[in-house]
Amino acid sequence: MFGGVGLLLTGCFDRPCHERNPAQKEFLDGLQELAKPALASNNPLRVEEAARQSIALAGKVGAFEDWCGTLTKIEGNAQTAAVTIDIGRQVSLYAFNDWALAFAGTVTDFFSTRSRAAPPPGLSEGAVAALKTLRLGERVTLSGRMGEIAGSGVLDLSRLFGKSAAEHRQFLQTPRFVARIEALQASKK
């Protein structure tokens, strides 16, 4: 009897999965430290600056490993896959393979630091294969890279150019970052 109650209580007080990886927790805490005071200030200039700093913080993360998240959206097919994975409270990563639809060529050419070679996909072949075995809402462990979109040399600042104060506020409340997902699997915990 006591073993069942202990197991139940342990589950109630278990840390959320996004707090188990120190690097992931540090990133999410950093986002919160930027967003809370800016949103509370109701000052559009502070909100805009916090949004820019959030993008810079994501760029500093670079490669990440063994982060925990919840698979919330899968779109497209094996060649044009796009996924959204929640990695914290109202924070998500977005990875996609269809660059033609994402940029229609012009933005990529303008910001690219590489030759006209096609950028790498946002989901590795292994990640696409793993997606075929997962369900929406399933907890996953993922590894990849944040910062430049999928490591292509294309800066991920397009979300902030010409945006209104309301759009910056929305970004701080529910940030969504572009990432390259190298590995993806069902979480063991």
C-alpha atoms as a PDB file:
ATOM      1  CA  MET A   1       0.000   0.000   0.000  1.00  0.00           C
ATOM      2  CA  PHE A   2       2.725   2.490   0.942  1.00  0.00           C
ATOM      3  CA  GLY A   3       4.765   1.659  -2.169  1.00  0.00           C
ATOM      4  CA  GLY A   4       1.869   2.656  -4.452  1.00  0.00           C
ATOM      5  CA  VAL A   5       1.301   5.914  -2.550  1.00  0.00           C
ATOM      6  CA  GLY A   6       5.032   6.683  -2.620  1.00  0.00           C
ATOM      7  CA  LEU A   7       5.176   6.062  -6.354  1.00  0.00           C
ATOM      8  CA  LEU A   8       2.144   8.290  -6.888  1.00  0.00           C
ATOM      9  CA  LEU A   9       3.633  11.114  -4.786  1.00  0.00           C
ATOM     10  CA  THR A  10       7.011  10.800  -6.513  1.00  0.00           C
ATOM     11  CA  GLY A  11       5.273  11.272  -9.859  1.00  0.00           C
ATOM     12  CA  CYS A  12       3.487  14.374  -8.556  1.00  0.00           C
ATOM     13  CA  PHE A  13       6.701  16.041  -7.425  1.00  0.00           C
ATOM     14  CA  ASP A  14       8.892  14.919 -10.324  1.00  0.00           C
ATOM     15  CA  ARG A  15      10.532  17.805 -12.188  1.00  0.00           C
ATOM     16  CA  PRO A  16       9.188  18.633 -15.654  1.00  0.00           C
ATOM     17  CA  CYS A  17      11.322  17.075 -18.379  1.00  0.00           C
ATOM     18  CA  HIS A  18      12.512  20.456 -19.680  1.00  0.00           C
ATOM     19  CA  GLU A  19      14.167  21.096 -16.301  1.00  0.00           C
ATOM     20  CA  ARG A  20      16.204  17.866 -16.272  1.00  0.00           C
ATOM     21  CA  ASN A  21      18.834  18.966 -18.792  1.00  0.00           C
ATOM     22  CA  PRO A  22      20.913  21.821 -17.281  1.00  0.00           C
ATOM     23  CA  ALA A  23      21.647  23.476 -20.656  1.00  0.00           C
ATOM     24  CA  GLN A  24      17.976  23.390 -21.678  1.00  0.00           C
ATOM     25  CA  LYS A  25      16.902  24.780 -18.292  1.00  0.00           C
ATOM     26  CA  GLU A  26      19.537  27.550 -18.534  1.00  0.00           C
ATOM     27  CA  PHE A  27      18.246  28.544 -21.984  1.00  0.00           C
ATOM     28  CA  LEU A  28      14.603  28.587 -20.847  1.00  0.00           C
ATOM     29  CA  ASP A  29      15.466  30.520 -17.664  1.00  0.00           C
ATOM     30  CA  GLY A  30      17.391  33.047 -19.784  1.00  0.00           C
ATOM     31  CA  LEU A  31      14.366  33.552 -22.032  1.00  0.00           C
ATOM     32  CA  GLN A  32      12.162  34.087 -18.998  1.00  0.00           C
ATOM     33  CA  GLU A  33      14.628  36.599 -17.490  1.00  0.00           C
ATOM     34  CA  LEU A  34      14.500  38.602 -20.716  1.00  0.00           C
ATOM     35  CA  ALA A  35      10.748  38.403 -21.264  1.00  0.00           C
ATOM     36  CA  LYS A  36       9.246  39.007 -17.812  1.00  0.00           C
ATOM     37  CA  PRO A  37      10.592  42.514 -17.104  1.00  0.00           C
ATOM     38  CA  ALA A  38      10.073  43.648 -20.702  1.00  0.00           C
ATOM     39  CA  LEU A  39       6.457  42.470 -20.797  1.00  0.00           C
ATOM     40  CA  ALA A  40       5.759  43.917 -17.333  1.00  0.00           C
ATOM     41  CA  SER A  41       7.182  47.314 -18.374  1.00  0.00           C
ATOM     42  CA  ASN A  42       4.586  47.710 -21.146  1.00  0.00           C
ATOM     43  CA  ASN A  43       7.300  49.670 -22.986  1.00  0.00           C
ATOM     44  CA  PRO A  44       7.421  48.709 -26.699  1.00  0.00           C
ATOM     45  CA  LEU A  45      11.126  49.575 -26.929  1.00  0.00           C
ATOM     46  CA  ARG A  46      12.002  47.218 -24.062  1.00  0.00           C
ATOM     47  CA  VAL A  47       9.791  44.522 -25.580  1.00  0.00           C
ATOM     48  CA  GLU A  48      11.519  44.888 -28.965  1.00  0.00           C
ATOM     49  CA  GLU A  49      14.974  44.761 -27.364  1.00  0.00           C
ATOM     50  CA  ALA A  50      14.053  41.690 -25.309  1.00  0.00           C
ATOM     51  CA  ALA A  51      12.857  39.952 -28.491  1.00  0.00           C
ATOM     52  CA  ARG A  52      16.185  40.723 -30.194  1.00  0.00           C
ATOM     53  CA  GLN A  53      18.117  39.483 -27.158  1.00  0.00           C
ATOM     54  CA  SER A  54      16.047  36.277 -27.159  1.00  0.00           C
ATOM     55  CA  ILE A  55      17.110  35.599 -30.755  1.00  0.00           C
ATOM     56  CA  ALA A  56      20.737  36.275 -29.776  1.00  0.00           C
ATOM     57  CA  LEU A  57      20.413  33.924 -26.791  1.00  0.00           C
ATOM     58  CA  ALA A  58      19.168  31.157 -29.099  1.00  0.00           C
ATOM     59  CA  GLY A  59      22.143  31.808 -31.369  1.00  0.00           C
ATOM     60  CA  LYS A  60      24.527  31.349 -28.442  1.00  0.00           C
ATOM     61  CA  VAL A  61      23.040  27.922 -27.636  1.00  0.00           C
ATOM     62  CA  GLY A  62      24.391  26.467 -30.872  1.00  0.00           C
ATOM     63  CA  ALA A  63      24.462  22.671 -30.675  1.00  0.00           C
ATOM     64  CA  PHE A  64      22.229  21.044 -28.086  1.00  0.00           C
ATOM     65  CA  GLU A  65      21.972  17.441 -26.930  1.00  0.00           C
ATOM     66  CA  ASP A  66      19.426  15.328 -25.065  1.00  0.00           C
ATOM     67  CA  TRP A  67      16.830  18.076 -24.721  1.00  0.00           C
ATOM     68  CA  CYS A  68      13.332  16.997 -23.779  1.00  0.00           C
ATOM     69  CA  GLY A  69      10.170  18.137 -25.505  1.00  0.00           C
ATOM     70  CA  THR A  70       6.695  17.244 -26.670  1.00  0.00           C
ATOM     71  CA  LEU A  71       5.969  16.634 -30.343  1.00  0.00           C
ATOM     72  CA  THR A  72       3.042  18.973 -31.087  1.00  0.00           C
ATOM     73  CA  LYS A  73       2.838  19.211 -34.880  1.00  0.00           C
ATOM     74  CA  ILE A  74       3.978  17.250 -37.943  1.00  0.00           C
ATOM     75  CA  GLU A  75       3.292  18.597 -41.435  1.00  0.00           C
ATOM     76  CA  GLY A  76       4.232  17.620 -44.978  1.00  0.00           C
ATOM     77  CA  ASN A  77       5.760  14.362 -46.143  1.00  0.00           C
ATOM     78  CA  ALA A  78       9.208  12.762 -45.843  1.00  0.00           C
ATOM     79  CA  GLN A  79      10.743  15.293 -48.268  1.00  0.00           C
ATOM     80  CA  THR A  80       8.928  18.404 -47.021  1.00  0.00           C
ATOM     81  CA  ALA A  81       8.549  17.565 -43.327  1.00  0.00           C
ATOM     82  CA  ALA A  82       8.023  20.321 -40.777  1.00  0.00           C
ATOM     83  CA  VAL A  83       7.714  19.725 -37.042  1.00  0.00           C
ATOM     84  CA  THR A  84       7.016  21.760 -33.943  1.00  0.00           C
ATOM     85  CA  ILE A  85       8.351  20.524 -30.616  1.00  0.00           C
ATOM     86  CA  ASP A  86       7.501  22.242 -27.335  1.00  0.00           C
ATOM     87  CA  ILE A  87      10.701  22.384 -25.264  1.00  0.00           C
ATOM     88  CA  GLY A  88       9.418  24.362 -22.270  1.00  0.00           C
ATOM     89  CA  ARG A  89       6.484  26.366 -21.033  1.00  0.00           C
ATOM     90  CA  GLN A  90       5.197  28.018 -24.221  1.00  0.00           C
ATOM     91  CA  VAL A  91       8.610  27.730 -25.943  1.00  0.00           C
ATOM     92  CA  SER A  92       8.919  25.669 -29.114  1.00  0.00           C
ATOM     93  CA  LEU A  93      11.407  24.629 -31.771  1.00  0.00           C
ATOM     94  CA  TYR A  94      10.437  24.495 -35.431  1.00  0.00           C
ATOM     95  CA  ALA A  95      12.356  22.430 -37.994  1.00  0.00           C
ATOM     96  CA  PHE A  96      11.532  22.075 -41.681  1.00  0.00           C
ATOM     97  CA  ASN A  97      12.914  20.561 -44.868  1.00  0.00           C
ATOM     98  CA  ASP A  98      11.104  22.639 -47.504  1.00  0.00           C
ATOM     99  CA  TRP A  99      13.323  25.667 -48.068  1.00  0.00           C
ATOM    100  CA  ALA A 100      11.520  26.647 -51.272  1.00  0.00           C
ATOM    101  CA  LEU A 101       8.276  27.245 -49.387  1.00  0.00           C
ATOM    102  CA  ALA A 102      10.000  28.776 -46.385  1.00  0.00           C
ATOM    103  CA  PHE A 103      11.847  31.492 -48.293  1.00  0.00           C
ATOM    104  CA  ALA A 104      10.938  31.434 -51.982  1.00  0.00           C
ATOM    105  CA  GLY A 105      14.659  32.004 -52.704  1.00  0.00           C
ATOM    106  CA  THR A 106      14.981  35.767 -52.292  1.00  0.00           C
ATOM    107  CA  VAL A 107      15.578  36.058 -48.545  1.00  0.00           C
ATOM    108  CA  THR A 108      17.976  33.110 -48.609  1.00  0.00           C
ATOM    109  CA  ASP A 109      20.029  34.700 -51.394  1.00  0.00           C
ATOM    110  CA  PHE A 110      20.101  38.049 -49.593  1.00  0.00           C
ATOM    111  CA  PHE A 111      21.319  36.735 -46.215  1.00  0.00           C
ATOM    112  CA  SER A 112      23.308  33.684 -47.289  1.00  0.00           C
ATOM    113  CA  THR A 113      26.997  33.588 -46.408  1.00  0.00           C
ATOM    114  CA  ARG A 114      27.526  30.522 -48.594  1.00  0.00           C
ATOM    115  CA  SER A 115      27.450  29.882 -52.312  1.00  0.00           C
ATOM    116  CA  ARG A 116      24.175  29.108 -54.084  1.00  0.00           C
ATOM    117  CA  ALA A 117      24.295  25.504 -52.849  1.00  0.00           C
ATOM    118  CA  ALA A 118      21.052  24.305 -51.330  1.00  0.00           C
ATOM    119  CA  PRO A 119      20.923  24.687 -47.546  1.00  0.00           C
ATOM    120  CA  PRO A 120      20.856  21.512 -45.452  1.00  0.00           C
ATOM    121  CA  PRO A 121      17.483  20.160 -44.359  1.00  0.00           C
ATOM    122  CA  GLY A 122      16.148  21.117 -40.942  1.00  0.00           C
ATOM    123  CA  LEU A 123      15.516  17.457 -40.141  1.00  0.00           C
ATOM    124  CA  SER A 124      18.189  14.809 -40.650  1.00  0.00           C
ATOM    125  CA  GLU A 125      17.224  11.562 -42.397  1.00  0.00           C
ATOM    126  CA  GLY A 126      17.374   9.833 -39.018  1.00  0.00           C
ATOM    127  CA  ALA A 127      15.007  12.396 -37.494  1.00  0.00           C
ATOM    128  CA  VAL A 128      12.521  11.950 -40.371  1.00  0.00           C
ATOM    129  CA  ALA A 129      12.713   8.167 -39.924  1.00  0.00           C
ATOM    130  CA  ALA A 130      12.081   8.572 -36.180  1.00  0.00           C
ATOM    131  CA  LEU A 131       9.062  10.818 -36.866  1.00  0.00           C
ATOM    132  CA  LYS A 132       7.390   7.877 -38.588  1.00  0.00           C
ATOM    133  CA  THR A 133       7.358   5.998 -35.274  1.00  0.00           C
ATOM    134  CA  LEU A 134       6.155   8.836 -33.016  1.00  0.00           C
ATOM    135  CA  ARG A 135       2.706  10.203 -32.155  1.00  0.00           C
ATOM    136  CA  LEU A 136       1.609  13.773 -31.607  1.00  0.00           C
ATOM    137  CA  GLY A 137       1.732  14.657 -27.939  1.00  0.00           C
ATOM    138  CA  GLU A 138       4.505  12.142 -27.291  1.00  0.00           C
ATOM    139  CA  ARG A 139       7.459  13.199 -25.153  1.00  0.00           C
ATOM    140  CA  VAL A 140      10.711  13.080 -27.132  1.00  0.00           C
ATOM    141  CA  THR A 141      14.442  13.501 -26.615  1.00  0.00           C
ATOM    142  CA  LEU A 142      16.155  15.574 -29.300  1.00  0.00           C
ATOM    143  CA  SER A 143      19.567  16.824 -30.328  1.00  0.00           C
ATOM    144  CA  GLY A 144      20.445  19.396 -32.958  1.00  0.00           C
ATOM    145  CA  ARG A 145      21.519  22.986 -33.498  1.00  0.00           C
ATOM    146  CA  MET A 146      20.002  26.419 -32.947  1.00  0.00           C
ATOM    147  CA  GLY A 147      21.137  29.772 -34.256  1.00  0.00           C
ATOM    148  CA  GLU A 148      21.667  30.144 -37.957  1.00  0.00           C
ATOM    149  CA  ILE A 149      18.756  28.437 -39.656  1.00  0.00           C
ATOM    150  CA  ALA A 150      19.687  24.769 -39.850  1.00  0.00           C
ATOM    151  CA  GLY A 151      23.385  25.690 -39.980  1.00  0.00           C
ATOM    152  CA  SER A 152      22.930  27.122 -43.475  1.00  0.00           C
ATOM    153  CA  GLY A 153      24.594  30.478 -42.883  1.00  0.00           C
ATOM    154  CA  VAL A 154      21.187  32.187 -43.108  1.00  0.00           C
ATOM    155  CA  LEU A 155      20.502  34.460 -40.157  1.00  0.00           C
ATOM    156  CA  ASP A 156      17.212  33.850 -38.363  1.00  0.00           C
ATOM    157  CA  LEU A 157      16.287  37.495 -37.773  1.00  0.00           C
ATOM    158  CA  SER A 158      13.547  37.730 -40.406  1.00  0.00           C
ATOM    159  CA  ARG A 159      10.928  37.292 -37.678  1.00  0.00           C
ATOM    160  CA  LEU A 160      11.859  40.650 -36.166  1.00  0.00           C
ATOM    161  CA  PHE A 161      12.259  42.923 -39.208  1.00  0.00           C
ATOM    162  CA  GLY A 162       9.335  45.306 -39.606  1.00  0.00           C
ATOM    163  CA  LYS A 163       7.321  43.714 -36.805  1.00  0.00           C
ATOM    164  CA  SER A 164       4.936  45.639 -34.602  1.00  0.00           C
ATOM    165  CA  ALA A 165       5.135  45.947 -30.823  1.00  0.00           C
ATOM    166  CA  ALA A 166       2.239  43.471 -30.556  1.00  0.00           C
ATOM    167  CA  GLU A 167       4.149  40.915 -32.652  1.00  0.00           C
ATOM    168  CA  HIS A 168       7.273  41.349 -30.496  1.00  0.00           C
ATOM    169  CA  ARG A 169       5.091  40.916 -27.388  1.00  0.00           C
ATOM    170  CA  GLN A 170       3.561  37.747 -28.860  1.00  0.00           C
ATOM    171  CA  PHE A 171       7.040  36.387 -29.639  1.00  0.00           C
ATOM    172  CA  LEU A 172       8.179  36.962 -26.037  1.00  0.00           C
ATOM    173  CA  GLN A 173       5.057  35.271 -24.662  1.00  0.00           C
ATOM    174  CA  THR A 174       5.337  32.184 -26.911  1.00  0.00           C
ATOM    175  CA  PRO A 175       8.775  32.115 -28.564  1.00  0.00           C
ATOM    176  CA  ARG A 176       9.317  29.749 -31.500  1.00  0.00           C
ATOM    177  CA  PHE A 177      12.877  29.159 -32.679  1.00  0.00           C
ATOM    178  CA  VAL A 178      14.081  27.532 -35.879  1.00  0.00           C
ATOM    179  CA  ALA A 179      16.448  24.610 -35.305  1.00  0.00           C
ATOM    180  CA  ARG A 180      18.076  21.728 -37.120  1.00  0.00           C
ATOM    181  CA  ILE A 181      17.057  18.430 -35.552  1.00  0.00           C
ATOM    182  CA  GLU A 182      19.769  15.775 -35.906  1.00  0.00           C
ATOM    183  CA  ALA A 183      18.375  13.096 -33.587  1.00  0.00           C
ATOM    184  CA  LEU A 184      14.877  12.456 -32.305  1.00  0.00           C
ATOM    185  CA  GLN A 185      13.503   9.556 -30.257  1.00  0.00           C
ATOM    186  CA  ALA A 186      10.740   8.740 -27.828  1.00  0.00           C
ATOM    187  CA  SER A 187      11.701   9.813 -24.325  1.00  0.00           C
ATOM    188  CA  LYS A 188      12.388   7.060 -21.822  1.00  0.00           C
ATOM    189  CA  LYS A 189      11.000   9.106 -18.922  1.00  0.00           C
END
